[in-house]
C-alpha atoms as a PDB file:
ATOM      1  CA  MET A   1      40.772  96.460  97.649  1.00  0.00           C
ATOM      2  CA  MET A   2      37.419  94.617  98.414  1.00  0.00           C
ATOM      3  CA  GLU A   3      37.820  95.709 102.117  1.00  0.00           C
ATOM      4  CA  TYR A   4      38.022  99.373 100.709  1.00  0.00           C
ATOM      5  CA  VAL A   5      34.724  98.653  98.705  1.00  0.00           C
ATOM      6  CA  GLY A   6      32.882  97.379 101.784  1.00  0.00           C
ATOM      7  CA  PHE A   7      33.941 100.430 104.056  1.00  0.00           C
ATOM      8  CA  ILE A   8      32.322 102.772 101.136  1.00  0.00           C
ATOM      9  CA  ALA A   9      29.466 100.611 100.992  1.00  0.00           C
ATOM     10  CA  ALA A  10      28.841 100.709 104.434  1.00  0.00           C
ATOM     11  CA  SER A  11      29.532 104.293 104.844  1.00  0.00           C
ATOM     12  CA  LEU A  12      26.781 105.454 102.392  1.00  0.00           C
ATOM     13  CA  THR A  13      24.049 103.026 103.927  1.00  0.00           C
ATOM     14  CA  THR A  14      24.786 104.056 107.466  1.00  0.00           C
ATOM     15  CA  LEU A  15      24.885 107.806 106.664  1.00  0.00           C
ATOM     16  CA  SER A  16      21.868 107.643 104.719  1.00  0.00           C
ATOM     17  CA  PHE A  17      20.219 107.343 108.130  1.00  0.00           C
ATOM     18  CA  LEU A  18      21.734 110.845 109.342  1.00  0.00           C
ATOM     19  CA  PRO A  19      19.304 112.891 107.417  1.00  0.00           C
ATOM     20  CA  GLN A  20      16.479 111.121 108.450  1.00  0.00           C
ATOM     21  CA  THR A  21      17.406 110.835 112.346  1.00  0.00           C
ATOM     22  CA  ILE A  22      18.001 114.667 112.284  1.00  0.00           C
ATOM     23  CA  LYS A  23      14.825 115.208 110.637  1.00  0.00           C
ATOM     24  CA  ILE A  24      12.848 113.285 113.073  1.00  0.00           C
ATOM     25  CA  ILE A  25      14.466 114.544 116.239  1.00  0.00           C
ATOM     26  CA  LYS A  26      13.969 118.411 115.007  1.00  0.00           C
ATOM     27  CA  THR A  27      10.430 117.960 114.137  1.00  0.00           C
ATOM     28  CA  ARG A  28       9.637 114.949 116.396  1.00  0.00           C
ATOM     29  CA  ASP A  29       6.908 113.652 113.396  1.00  0.00           C
ATOM     30  CA  THR A  30       7.124 109.825 113.097  1.00  0.00           C
ATOM     31  CA  LYS A  31       3.753 109.463 111.912  1.00  0.00           C
ATOM     32  CA  SER A  32       4.748 108.408 108.492  1.00  0.00           C
ATOM     33  CA  ILE A  33       6.960 105.439 109.833  1.00  0.00           C
ATOM     34  CA  SER A  34       6.230 102.186 110.321  1.00  0.00           C
ATOM     35  CA  LEU A  35       6.410 100.844 113.845  1.00  0.00           C
ATOM     36  CA  GLY A  36       6.859  97.183 112.957  1.00  0.00           C
ATOM     37  CA  MET A  37       9.185  97.967 110.278  1.00  0.00           C
ATOM     38  CA  TYR A  38      11.130  99.932 112.487  1.00  0.00           C
ATOM     39  CA  MET A  39      11.172  97.366 115.186  1.00  0.00           C
ATOM     40  CA  MET A  40      12.228  94.403 113.015  1.00  0.00           C
ATOM     41  CA  PHE A  41      14.991  96.869 111.062  1.00  0.00           C
ATOM     42  CA  VAL A  42      16.835  97.369 114.552  1.00  0.00           C
ATOM     43  CA  LEU A  43      16.577  93.948 115.362  1.00  0.00           C
ATOM     44  CA  GLY A  44      17.805  92.855 112.241  1.00  0.00           C
ATOM     45  CA  VAL A  45      21.093  95.392 112.370  1.00  0.00           C
ATOM     46  CA  ALA A  46      21.634  94.276 115.920  1.00  0.00           C
ATOM     47  CA  PHE A  47      22.092  90.798 114.479  1.00  0.00           C
ATOM     48  CA  TRP A  48      24.444  92.094 112.137  1.00  0.00           C
ATOM     49  CA  LEU A  49      26.323  93.826 114.462  1.00  0.00           C
ATOM     50  CA  VAL A  50      26.767  90.316 116.548  1.00  0.00           C
ATOM     51  CA  TYR A  51      27.537  88.722 113.249  1.00  0.00           C
ATOM     52  CA  GLY A  52      30.303  91.186 112.252  1.00  0.00           C
ATOM     53  CA  LEU A  53      31.514  90.936 116.055  1.00  0.00           C
ATOM     54  CA  TYR A  54      31.702  86.954 115.645  1.00  0.00           C
ATOM     55  CA  THR A  55      33.502  86.923 112.161  1.00  0.00           C
ATOM     56  CA  GLY A  56      35.571  90.345 112.854  1.00  0.00           C
ATOM     57  CA  ASP A  57      34.656  92.304 109.600  1.00  0.00           C
ATOM     58  CA  MET A  58      35.243  96.070 110.674  1.00  0.00           C
ATOM     59  CA  PRO A  59      33.002  97.296 107.600  1.00  0.00           C
ATOM     60  CA  ILE A  60      29.923  95.101 109.053  1.00  0.00           C
ATOM     61  CA  ILE A  61      31.050  96.032 112.462  1.00  0.00           C
ATOM     62  CA  LEU A  62      31.209  99.675 111.965  1.00  0.00           C
ATOM     63  CA  ALA A  63      28.276 100.118 109.753  1.00  0.00           C
ATOM     64  CA  ASN A  64      25.960  98.212 112.004  1.00  0.00           C
ATOM     65  CA  PHE A  65      26.840  99.965 115.172  1.00  0.00           C
ATOM     66  CA  ILE A  66      26.421 103.152 113.797  1.00  0.00           C
ATOM     67  CA  THR A  67      23.396 102.251 111.940  1.00  0.00           C
ATOM     68  CA  LEU A  68      22.073 100.614 115.058  1.00  0.00           C
ATOM     69  CA  ILE A  69      22.524 104.017 117.100  1.00  0.00           C
ATOM     70  CA  LEU A  70      20.507 105.992 114.372  1.00  0.00           C
ATOM     71  CA  SER A  71      17.696 103.786 113.900  1.00  0.00           C
ATOM     72  CA  SER A  72      17.110 103.029 117.590  1.00  0.00           C
ATOM     73  CA  VAL A  73      17.237 106.995 118.294  1.00  0.00           C
ATOM     74  CA  ILE A  74      14.074 106.904 115.434  1.00  0.00           C
ATOM     75  CA  LEU A  75      12.559 103.703 117.054  1.00  0.00           C
ATOM     76  CA  VAL A  76      12.529 105.398 120.297  1.00  0.00           C
ATOM     77  CA  PHE A  77      10.774 108.493 118.670  1.00  0.00           C
ATOM     78  CA  LYS A  78       8.106 106.201 117.273  1.00  0.00           C
ATOM     79  CA  ILE A  79       7.756 104.550 120.422  1.00  0.00           C
ATOM     80  CA  LYS A  80       6.833 107.256 122.229  1.00  0.00           C
ATOM     81  CA  GLU A  81       4.803 108.686 119.167  1.00  0.00           C
ATOM     82  CA  VAL A  82       2.601 105.487 119.514  1.00  0.00           C
ATOM     83  CA  PHE A  83       2.243 104.547 123.173  1.00  0.00           C
ATOM     84  CA  LEU A  84       2.980 108.184 125.032  1.00  0.00           C
ATOM     85  CA  GLU A  85       1.279 110.408 122.666  1.00  0.00           C
ATOM     86  CA  LYS A  86      -2.048 109.248 122.994  1.00  0.00           C
END
């Protein structure tokens, strides 16, 4: 039963990145996003993924794998905005 709770929680928190990622891809606007925060966030998610792989915890693995992809897309757009568009 608690594994289902984990999958639901993981799904909701992971999918919450989808609207922001889509918006940034469409608008290419990342001015209001903190580069430092997103760098730390992506690194933290990567560590959570490693932890999930180590422990074999599927909700943690799936959620952090998808979140890593979505948040990395946002981070790439932010890095381009900060370093390439000046």
